[in-house]
Amino acid sequence: MDMIAPLVKTGVISSTLNLWLALPIGFLFGFALFHAGFTDSRRIAWAFYFKDVGVPVVMFSAIATGMLGLWGLSLIGFLDISKVYMLPTFLLPMAIGGVIFGLGMVIGGYCPGTAAASIATGKIDAVIFIVGFLLGSLVFGDFFPVWGDFYNSDYMGVFRLDQWLGIGLGQTVLLVVLIAVSGTIFMRFVQNKVWPPAEVDPQEKYVIRLHAALIAVALVIGITFTFFPSESFIDDSVETPYYIVPKTTVSQAISEAQTLEFSDLAGSGA
């Protein structure tokens, strides 16, 4: 199969059409957030107290599904991963930012995306959250010179888990699936122990059967992927161009290039 995705990078659709497609996709995404419970600040906050772990379970499911789908489409030749944007790693700033982000979620009950979806349902607390988010963004931007150097520090480029662990990409996919499955089971166990339900839901056994079937499918696919070498998924010999390089790194590269060019000119003149 000839690779046709990502659609914009391979020229299947135009950038203009891609922007227009974002509108219906956004509506569908908001619809999914609503039915997953992400538009209820109480459910999001309860996840941190193990009172209702539905939100992190959905997130685990999304990570495993997206990951298996991404690598599966690349294996059959539908998706060219070298043309897919990969977020660069700024390890320490991202770690601290993640902690701050988590505190914001447990206090406010939203992230920016879920707050926007909640506004569509008429939630006043979501409006307040968005206002605070915008004010915080303004403060962050105005005082960026204060923490800008830290923001761009600990840059590692496009750095993947398999590279960090020193194992194959297929084994990493299986590992993440196992973490998602075990994390889901553990959180459900803690929720039932700490916040036991007042009455048994008659639909619970059917939900458990469905979850068990989906988990079995994910594990089978994950185990199958372990037999494929990393080169089957992505070519590490060519670094993907779709990533962000810190300005300091760009400036340093330009300076080094100019120095090298000057040295070559000086050498040829001599």
Protein backbone atom coordinates (compact mmCIF):
# COMPACT_ATOMS: atom_id res chain seq x y z
CA MET A 1 0.00 0.00 0.00
CA ASP A 2 1.31 3.43 -0.93
CA MET A 3 1.56 5.81 2.00
CA ILE A 4 -1.13 8.51 1.87
CA ALA A 5 -1.10 9.85 5.41
CA PRO A 6 -0.68 12.34 6.95
CA LEU A 7 -3.06 13.76 4.37
CA VAL A 8 -1.70 17.33 4.26
CA LYS A 9 1.99 16.44 4.24
CA THR A 10 1.49 13.93 1.42
CA GLY A 11 -0.63 16.34 -0.62
CA VAL A 12 -3.87 14.33 -0.50
CA ILE A 13 -5.76 17.36 0.83
CA SER A 14 -4.89 21.04 0.97
CA SER A 15 -4.01 23.03 4.08
CA THR A 16 -7.24 25.01 3.64
CA LEU A 17 -9.37 21.87 3.59
CA ASN A 18 -7.43 20.60 6.59
CA LEU A 19 -8.44 23.70 8.57
CA TRP A 20 -12.09 23.31 7.55
CA LEU A 21 -12.04 19.65 8.60
CA ALA A 22 -10.90 20.77 12.05
CA LEU A 23 -14.39 22.22 12.64
CA PRO A 24 -16.45 18.98 12.42
CA ILE A 25 -13.65 17.02 14.07
CA GLY A 26 -13.72 19.53 16.93
CA PHE A 27 -17.46 19.06 17.35
CA LEU A 28 -17.05 15.28 17.41
CA PHE A 29 -14.21 15.57 19.90
CA GLY A 30 -16.31 17.78 22.18
CA PHE A 31 -19.20 15.33 21.86
CA ALA A 32 -16.87 12.49 22.91
CA LEU A 33 -15.53 14.55 25.83
CA PHE A 34 -19.07 15.19 27.03
CA HIS A 35 -20.08 11.52 26.96
CA ALA A 36 -16.80 10.46 28.57
CA GLY A 37 -17.50 12.78 31.52
CA PHE A 38 -14.67 15.20 30.78
CA THR A 39 -17.02 18.20 30.84
CA ASP A 40 -17.91 17.65 34.49
CA SER A 41 -15.33 19.30 36.75
CA ARG A 42 -16.41 17.08 39.65
CA ARG A 43 -15.63 13.88 37.78
CA ILE A 44 -12.20 15.17 36.75
CA ALA A 45 -11.39 16.27 40.32
CA TRP A 46 -12.74 13.01 41.78
CA ALA A 47 -10.17 11.07 39.75
CA PHE A 48 -7.43 12.49 41.99
CA TYR A 49 -9.27 11.11 45.04
CA PHE A 50 -10.04 7.74 43.37
CA LYS A 51 -13.75 8.49 43.83
CA ASP A 52 -14.43 8.18 40.10
CA VAL A 53 -11.57 6.95 37.92
CA GLY A 54 -13.57 7.00 34.70
CA VAL A 55 -11.60 9.94 33.29
CA PRO A 56 -8.09 8.43 33.65
CA VAL A 57 -9.42 5.09 32.38
CA VAL A 58 -10.66 6.84 29.23
CA MET A 59 -7.26 8.52 28.90
CA PHE A 60 -5.47 5.17 29.25
CA SER A 61 -7.78 3.74 26.58
CA ALA A 62 -7.13 6.67 24.24
CA ILE A 63 -3.34 6.35 24.65
CA ALA A 64 -3.35 2.60 23.95
CA THR A 65 -5.78 2.89 21.02
CA GLY A 66 -3.94 5.81 19.42
CA MET A 67 -0.57 4.15 19.87
CA LEU A 68 -1.63 0.78 18.46
CA GLY A 69 -3.42 2.47 15.58
CA LEU A 70 -0.45 4.71 14.77
CA TRP A 71 2.08 1.89 14.61
CA GLY A 72 -0.38 -0.46 12.93
CA LEU A 73 -1.09 2.00 10.12
CA SER A 74 2.64 2.53 9.67
CA LEU A 75 3.24 -1.22 9.39
CA ILE A 76 0.72 -1.66 6.58
CA GLY A 77 2.22 1.29 4.71
CA PHE A 78 -0.68 3.71 5.13
CA LEU A 79 1.03 6.24 7.39
CA ASP A 80 4.47 7.81 6.91
CA ILE A 81 5.58 8.51 10.49
CA SER A 82 8.57 10.54 9.28
CA LYS A 83 6.05 13.20 8.25
CA VAL A 84 4.16 13.18 11.55
CA TYR A 85 4.86 15.99 14.00
CA MET A 86 6.62 14.74 17.12
CA LEU A 87 6.77 16.84 20.23
CA PRO A 88 10.35 17.61 21.28
CA THR A 89 11.45 16.79 24.82
CA PHE A 90 12.47 19.46 27.32
CA LEU A 91 12.68 16.99 30.19
CA LEU A 92 12.88 19.07 33.39
CA PRO A 93 10.61 21.93 32.24
CA MET A 94 8.03 19.40 31.05
CA ALA A 95 8.19 17.49 34.34
CA ILE A 96 7.61 20.63 36.40
CA GLY A 97 4.98 21.84 33.95
CA GLY A 98 3.17 18.51 34.30
CA VAL A 99 3.04 18.87 38.08
CA ILE A 100 1.67 22.42 37.78
CA PHE A 101 -0.83 21.27 35.16
CA GLY A 102 -2.00 18.47 37.47
CA LEU A 103 -2.45 20.89 40.36
CA GLY A 104 -4.52 23.11 38.10
CA MET A 105 -6.73 20.18 37.13
CA VAL A 106 -7.37 19.04 40.69
CA ILE A 107 -8.13 22.60 41.84
CA GLY A 108 -10.14 23.79 38.84
CA GLY A 109 -11.47 20.47 37.62
CA TYR A 110 -10.60 21.19 34.00
CA CYS A 111 -7.84 21.44 31.44
CA PRO A 112 -8.12 24.09 28.70
CA GLY A 113 -9.70 21.67 26.23
CA THR A 114 -12.29 20.21 28.59
CA ALA A 115 -13.13 23.70 29.87
CA ALA A 116 -13.88 24.86 26.32
CA ALA A 117 -16.14 21.84 25.78
CA SER A 118 -17.84 22.50 29.12
CA ILE A 119 -18.65 26.09 28.12
CA ALA A 120 -20.69 24.64 25.26
CA THR A 121 -22.81 22.85 27.87
CA GLY A 122 -23.38 26.09 29.79
CA LYS A 123 -21.03 25.51 32.73
CA ILE A 124 -20.28 28.77 34.57
CA ASP A 125 -17.27 27.31 36.38
CA ALA A 126 -15.75 26.49 32.98
CA VAL A 127 -16.04 30.15 31.96
CA ILE A 128 -14.23 31.18 35.14
CA PHE A 129 -11.56 28.57 34.48
CA ILE A 130 -11.00 29.82 30.92
CA VAL A 131 -10.70 33.42 32.18
CA GLY A 132 -8.08 32.30 34.68
CA PHE A 133 -6.31 30.29 31.99
CA LEU A 134 -6.14 33.32 29.67
CA LEU A 135 -4.89 35.60 32.45
CA GLY A 136 -2.25 33.04 33.37
CA SER A 137 -1.16 32.83 29.74
CA LEU A 138 -0.77 36.60 29.59
CA VAL A 139 1.32 36.59 32.76
CA PHE A 140 3.44 33.74 31.41
CA GLY A 141 4.07 35.60 28.15
CA ASP A 142 4.77 38.99 29.76
CA PHE A 143 7.30 37.53 32.19
CA PHE A 144 8.80 35.03 29.75
CA PRO A 145 12.27 36.68 29.92
CA VAL A 146 12.33 35.70 33.61
CA TRP A 147 11.96 31.96 33.01
CA GLY A 148 12.62 31.73 29.28
CA ASP A 149 16.06 30.14 29.71
CA PHE A 150 14.60 27.44 31.96
CA TYR A 151 11.70 26.94 29.54
CA ASN A 152 14.17 26.07 26.75
CA SER A 153 16.53 24.07 28.97
CA ASP A 154 17.18 20.31 29.09
CA TYR A 155 16.42 20.00 25.37
CA MET A 156 16.64 16.41 24.12
CA GLY A 157 15.10 16.71 20.66
CA VAL A 158 12.55 14.12 19.57
CA PHE A 159 13.27 11.53 22.24
CA ARG A 160 11.12 8.40 22.48
CA LEU A 161 10.53 5.90 25.28
CA ASP A 162 12.16 3.05 23.39
CA GLN A 163 15.34 5.13 23.02
CA TRP A 164 15.32 5.96 26.73
CA LEU A 165 14.71 2.33 27.78
CA GLY A 166 17.10 0.91 25.20
CA ILE A 167 14.58 -1.62 23.84
CA GLY A 168 12.74 -2.08 20.57
CA LEU A 169 9.77 0.05 19.64
CA GLY A 170 7.50 -3.00 19.47
CA GLN A 171 8.44 -4.00 23.03
CA THR A 172 7.79 -0.42 24.16
CA VAL A 173 4.31 -0.51 22.61
CA LEU A 174 3.55 -3.71 24.54
CA LEU A 175 4.95 -2.20 27.74
CA VAL A 176 2.70 0.87 27.46
CA VAL A 177 -0.31 -1.38 26.81
CA LEU A 178 0.53 -3.41 29.93
CA ILE A 179 0.88 -0.21 31.98
CA ALA A 180 -2.48 1.03 30.69
CA VAL A 181 -4.20 -2.27 31.48
CA SER A 182 -2.64 -2.72 34.92
CA GLY A 183 -3.22 0.95 35.75
CA THR A 184 -6.89 0.67 34.83
CA ILE A 185 -7.38 -2.47 36.93
CA PHE A 186 -5.51 -0.95 39.89
CA MET A 187 -7.51 2.28 39.82
CA ARG A 188 -10.80 0.42 39.59
CA PHE A 189 -9.73 -1.76 42.53
CA VAL A 190 -8.79 1.24 44.69
CA GLN A 191 -12.02 3.06 43.79
CA ASN A 192 -14.16 0.10 44.84
CA LYS A 193 -12.21 -0.26 48.08
CA VAL A 194 -12.13 3.41 49.10
CA TRP A 195 -15.53 4.41 47.68
CA PRO A 196 -17.62 1.20 47.58
CA PRO A 197 -20.87 1.63 45.61
CA ALA A 198 -24.09 1.85 47.61
CA GLU A 199 -25.73 -0.65 45.28
CA VAL A 200 -24.57 -2.98 42.53
CA ASP A 201 -25.16 -1.69 39.02
CA PRO A 202 -26.96 -4.41 37.01
CA GLN A 203 -25.06 -3.32 33.88
CA GLU A 204 -21.69 -3.67 35.60
CA LYS A 205 -21.08 -7.28 34.56
CA TYR A 206 -21.73 -6.45 30.90
CA VAL A 207 -19.31 -3.51 31.12
CA ILE A 208 -16.68 -5.78 32.67
CA ARG A 209 -17.09 -8.29 29.84
CA LEU A 210 -16.68 -5.56 27.26
CA HIS A 211 -13.59 -4.21 29.02
CA ALA A 212 -12.13 -7.72 29.20
CA ALA A 213 -12.66 -8.25 25.47
CA LEU A 214 -11.06 -4.90 24.58
CA ILE A 215 -8.12 -5.58 26.90
CA ALA A 216 -7.59 -9.00 25.28
CA VAL A 217 -7.57 -7.44 21.80
CA ALA A 218 -5.09 -4.74 22.88
CA LEU A 219 -2.78 -7.32 24.45
CA VAL A 220 -2.86 -9.56 21.37
CA ILE A 221 -2.01 -6.64 19.09
CA GLY A 222 0.69 -5.41 21.50
CA ILE A 223 2.30 -8.85 21.73
CA THR A 224 2.22 -9.15 17.92
CA PHE A 225 4.06 -5.83 17.59
CA THR A 226 6.94 -7.10 19.73
CA PHE A 227 8.07 -9.28 16.82
CA PHE A 228 8.56 -6.29 14.51
CA PRO A 229 11.88 -4.39 14.64
CA SER A 230 11.84 -0.63 15.20
CA GLU A 231 12.81 -0.06 11.55
CA SER A 232 9.43 -1.47 10.57
CA PHE A 233 7.77 1.47 12.31
CA ILE A 234 10.11 4.41 11.81
CA ASP A 235 13.44 5.11 10.13
CA ASP A 236 15.78 6.49 12.81
CA SER A 237 18.50 7.21 10.26
CA VAL A 238 16.57 10.32 9.17
CA GLU A 239 15.37 12.72 11.86
CA THR A 240 11.84 13.95 11.28
CA PRO A 241 11.79 17.65 10.29
CA TYR A 242 8.51 18.32 12.06
CA TYR A 243 9.73 19.40 15.44
CA ILE A 244 10.57 22.61 17.27
CA VAL A 245 14.15 23.64 17.98
CA PRO A 246 14.79 26.17 20.77
CA LYS A 247 15.92 29.60 19.60
CA THR A 248 19.13 29.24 21.57
CA THR A 249 19.94 26.06 19.68
CA VAL A 250 19.15 27.69 16.33
CA SER A 251 21.32 30.71 17.18
CA GLN A 252 24.15 28.44 18.25
CA ALA A 253 23.89 26.43 15.01
CA ILE A 254 23.94 29.61 12.90
CA SER A 255 26.94 30.91 14.83
CA GLU A 256 28.81 27.64 14.36
CA ALA A 257 27.99 27.63 10.63
CA GLN A 258 29.22 31.19 10.24
CA THR A 259 32.40 30.38 12.13
CA LEU A 260 33.00 27.34 9.92
CA GLU A 261 32.33 29.36 6.78
CA PHE A 262 34.77 32.06 7.94
CA SER A 263 37.41 29.44 8.65
CA ASP A 264 36.94 27.92 5.18
CA LEU A 265 37.29 31.33 3.56
CA ALA A 266 40.37 32.10 5.60
CA GLY A 267 41.85 28.75 4.67
CA SER A 268 41.18 29.19 0.97
CA GLY A 269 42.65 32.72 1.08
CA ALA A 270 45.81 31.43 2.65
